[in-house]
Amino acid sequence: MRIATRLLSRPAASSAVVAAALALVGVQAAGQAASAAPRQAPSAVTCTAANTKLTVTEVSRPINHLLLKATNTGTKPCYAYSAPFLRAGADAQAPLPWARETTPQAVVTLKPGQSAYAGILTSSPDGEGGGKEKTLGVYFTDRKGGATGKEKTLTLPHGGVFFNSAAAVTYWQDNAADALYW
């Protein structure tokens, strides 16, 4: 009398062994994938004068333009929202207007070490009045369009730059050409 009975044929048994082995490998691979998952990038913060280095330079083309450059010096990515609030001269009563036609499609995000640019039209023959200013006050913008942190005061090149009523600033751009040629 036989005690054990065969439940599976030989081909069926080998298929079952292969399926079990594949299932085990799949479970191990899933565990390795979970443990090898990349770390999440640090959450981004708003760019401010505290986590960026600001510079202003005169450019040869187009005429009557300056280039404002903000470089992320922090350890987290930062968002350069909208456009900077700029005060041309220590006695300025209002910030320069933003050139609405330069609004980017998305917020400019700066990884550590990356830069954003804003072009500054200082004067135009169509403008009125004006004078030579020695400093440029810069405030970054928060998500809601308000000023953030403290003002950073930059010294303008050549002992000062002429500004008149036509002066304006672009929104933050991810390259200098887009900031200057609008």
Protein backbone atom coordinates (compact mmCIF):
# COMPACT_ATOMS: atom_id res chain seq x y z
CA MET A 1 0.00 0.00 0.00
CA ARG A 2 1.29 3.39 -0.94
CA ILE A 3 1.29 6.07 1.75
CA ALA A 4 2.15 9.16 -0.30
CA THR A 5 0.39 10.09 -3.48
CA ARG A 6 1.72 12.28 -6.18
CA LEU A 7 -0.16 15.54 -6.37
CA LEU A 8 1.76 17.11 -9.24
CA SER A 9 3.29 15.71 -12.36
CA ARG A 10 7.02 16.26 -12.88
CA PRO A 11 6.59 19.21 -15.37
CA ALA A 12 4.02 20.82 -13.11
CA ALA A 13 6.30 20.43 -10.09
CA SER A 14 9.24 22.08 -11.85
CA SER A 15 6.97 24.94 -12.92
CA ALA A 16 5.87 25.41 -9.32
CA VAL A 17 9.51 25.52 -8.15
CA VAL A 18 10.36 28.11 -10.81
CA ALA A 19 7.35 30.25 -9.86
CA ALA A 20 8.31 30.09 -6.17
CA ALA A 21 11.91 31.07 -6.97
CA LEU A 22 10.76 34.01 -9.11
CA ALA A 23 8.41 35.14 -6.37
CA LEU A 24 11.27 35.05 -3.85
CA VAL A 25 13.57 37.01 -6.19
CA GLY A 26 10.78 39.57 -6.75
CA VAL A 27 10.33 40.05 -3.00
CA GLN A 28 14.09 40.46 -2.52
CA ALA A 29 14.34 42.92 -5.43
CA ALA A 30 11.46 44.97 -4.06
CA GLY A 31 13.18 45.13 -0.68
CA GLN A 32 16.45 46.22 -2.30
CA ALA A 33 14.68 48.83 -4.40
CA ALA A 34 13.05 50.27 -1.30
CA SER A 35 16.33 50.41 0.59
CA ALA A 36 18.18 51.84 -2.43
CA ALA A 37 15.57 54.51 -3.10
CA PRO A 38 17.21 57.91 -3.58
CA ARG A 39 16.94 60.41 -0.78
CA GLN A 40 14.36 63.06 -1.34
CA ALA A 41 15.78 66.37 -2.43
CA PRO A 42 15.74 68.98 0.31
CA SER A 43 12.60 71.08 0.17
CA ALA A 44 12.99 74.41 -1.58
CA VAL A 45 12.86 77.72 0.24
CA THR A 46 12.28 81.29 -0.94
CA CYS A 47 15.37 83.07 -2.26
CA THR A 48 16.38 85.94 0.03
CA ALA A 49 19.39 88.18 0.51
CA ALA A 50 20.49 85.75 3.24
CA ASN A 51 20.78 82.68 0.97
CA THR A 52 21.95 84.32 -2.28
CA LYS A 53 24.82 86.45 -3.49
CA LEU A 54 23.70 89.50 -5.48
CA THR A 55 25.77 91.36 -8.06
CA VAL A 56 24.92 94.15 -10.50
CA THR A 57 26.94 94.80 -13.64
CA GLU A 58 26.75 97.17 -16.55
CA VAL A 59 26.40 95.53 -19.97
CA SER A 60 27.55 96.90 -23.31
CA ARG A 61 24.37 95.78 -25.12
CA PRO A 62 21.61 96.74 -24.97
CA ILE A 63 22.50 100.29 -23.98
CA ASN A 64 21.15 101.75 -20.73
CA HIS A 65 20.84 98.31 -19.14
CA LEU A 66 22.23 96.62 -16.05
CA LEU A 67 22.23 92.91 -15.22
CA LEU A 68 21.27 91.79 -11.73
CA LYS A 69 22.52 88.29 -10.88
CA ALA A 70 21.38 86.24 -7.87
CA THR A 71 23.39 83.09 -7.08
CA ASN A 72 22.08 80.56 -4.55
CA THR A 73 24.72 80.21 -1.82
CA GLY A 74 22.51 78.05 0.43
CA THR A 75 22.31 74.28 0.82
CA LYS A 76 18.70 73.98 -0.39
CA PRO A 77 17.12 74.93 -3.71
CA CYS A 78 15.40 78.31 -3.60
CA TYR A 79 12.56 79.88 -5.54
CA ALA A 80 13.14 83.27 -7.18
CA TYR A 81 9.52 84.44 -7.24
CA SER A 82 8.28 87.12 -9.66
CA ALA A 83 10.74 90.00 -9.95
CA PRO A 84 12.92 91.82 -7.45
CA PHE A 85 11.78 95.03 -5.83
CA LEU A 86 14.46 97.57 -6.76
CA ARG A 87 15.11 100.98 -5.26
CA ALA A 88 17.35 103.14 -7.47
CA GLY A 89 19.13 105.44 -5.04
CA ALA A 90 18.82 105.96 -1.31
CA ASP A 91 16.01 108.51 -1.69
CA ALA A 92 13.76 106.51 -4.05
CA GLN A 93 10.10 106.72 -3.07
CA ALA A 94 8.87 103.66 -5.02
CA PRO A 95 10.34 100.50 -6.53
CA LEU A 96 11.03 100.23 -10.26
CA PRO A 97 8.05 98.83 -12.18
CA TRP A 98 8.16 95.22 -13.37
CA ALA A 99 8.19 94.55 -17.11
CA ARG A 100 5.06 92.36 -17.26
CA GLU A 101 5.92 91.07 -20.74
CA THR A 102 8.88 89.18 -19.21
CA THR A 103 6.77 86.99 -16.91
CA PRO A 104 8.22 83.44 -17.11
CA GLN A 105 6.00 80.38 -17.48
CA ALA A 106 7.19 78.96 -14.15
CA VAL A 107 8.92 80.10 -11.00
CA VAL A 108 12.70 80.13 -11.44
CA THR A 109 14.19 77.49 -9.13
CA LEU A 110 17.85 77.79 -8.19
CA LYS A 111 19.76 74.73 -7.02
CA PRO A 112 22.75 75.53 -4.82
CA GLY A 113 25.32 77.31 -7.00
CA GLN A 114 22.85 78.22 -9.78
CA SER A 115 21.94 81.79 -10.75
CA ALA A 116 18.89 83.79 -11.83
CA TYR A 117 19.01 87.06 -13.74
CA ALA A 118 16.95 90.24 -13.95
CA GLY A 119 17.50 92.90 -16.58
CA ILE A 120 17.26 96.55 -15.56
CA LEU A 121 16.40 99.25 -18.08
CA THR A 122 17.87 102.38 -16.47
CA SER A 123 16.67 105.08 -18.84
CA SER A 124 15.18 105.80 -22.21
CA PRO A 125 14.80 108.93 -24.37
CA ASP A 126 11.05 108.59 -23.75
CA GLY A 127 11.57 108.91 -19.99
CA GLU A 128 11.32 112.08 -18.01
CA GLY A 129 13.51 113.66 -15.36
CA GLY A 130 16.04 111.47 -13.69
CA GLY A 131 19.41 111.59 -12.08
CA LYS A 132 22.62 109.70 -11.37
CA GLU A 133 22.17 107.14 -8.59
CA LYS A 134 25.01 105.46 -6.70
CA THR A 135 23.19 102.54 -5.06
CA LEU A 136 20.58 99.93 -5.86
CA GLY A 137 18.42 98.50 -3.07
CA VAL A 138 17.21 94.94 -3.72
CA TYR A 139 14.41 92.98 -2.05
CA PHE A 140 13.40 89.48 -3.10
CA THR A 141 9.73 88.62 -3.53
CA ASP A 142 7.81 85.94 -1.64
CA ARG A 143 5.20 83.57 -3.03
CA LYS A 144 2.40 86.09 -2.47
CA GLY A 145 4.22 89.00 -4.14
CA GLY A 146 5.43 90.77 -1.00
CA ALA A 147 8.99 91.70 -0.12
CA THR A 148 11.08 89.23 1.88
CA GLY A 149 13.80 89.69 4.44
CA LYS A 150 16.09 92.68 4.52
CA GLU A 151 17.12 94.96 1.71
CA LYS A 152 20.52 94.30 0.15
CA THR A 153 22.19 97.51 -1.02
CA LEU A 154 24.52 97.21 -4.01
CA THR A 155 26.95 99.83 -5.28
CA LEU A 156 26.30 100.73 -8.91
CA PRO A 157 29.19 100.60 -11.40
CA HIS A 158 31.28 103.65 -12.41
CA GLY A 159 30.30 105.66 -9.35
CA GLY A 160 26.66 105.78 -10.41
CA VAL A 161 24.16 105.20 -13.20
CA PHE A 162 21.55 107.54 -14.70
CA PHE A 163 17.92 106.50 -14.07
CA ASN A 164 14.80 108.23 -15.39
CA SER A 165 11.05 107.57 -15.36
CA ALA A 166 11.36 104.86 -18.06
CA ALA A 167 13.37 102.60 -15.72
CA ALA A 168 11.99 99.06 -15.26
CA VAL A 169 13.10 95.57 -14.21
CA THR A 170 12.35 92.16 -15.70
CA TYR A 171 11.04 89.16 -13.85
CA TRP A 172 13.70 86.66 -12.76
CA GLN A 173 14.96 84.61 -15.71
CA ASP A 174 17.10 81.47 -15.80
CA ASN A 175 19.57 82.99 -18.29
CA ALA A 176 21.08 86.41 -18.87
CA ALA A 177 19.98 86.72 -22.51
CA ASP A 178 16.28 86.44 -21.60
CA ALA A 179 16.79 89.05 -18.88
CA LEU A 180 18.45 91.57 -21.18
CA TYR A 181 16.70 91.23 -24.54
CA TRP A 182 12.98 91.84 -23.95
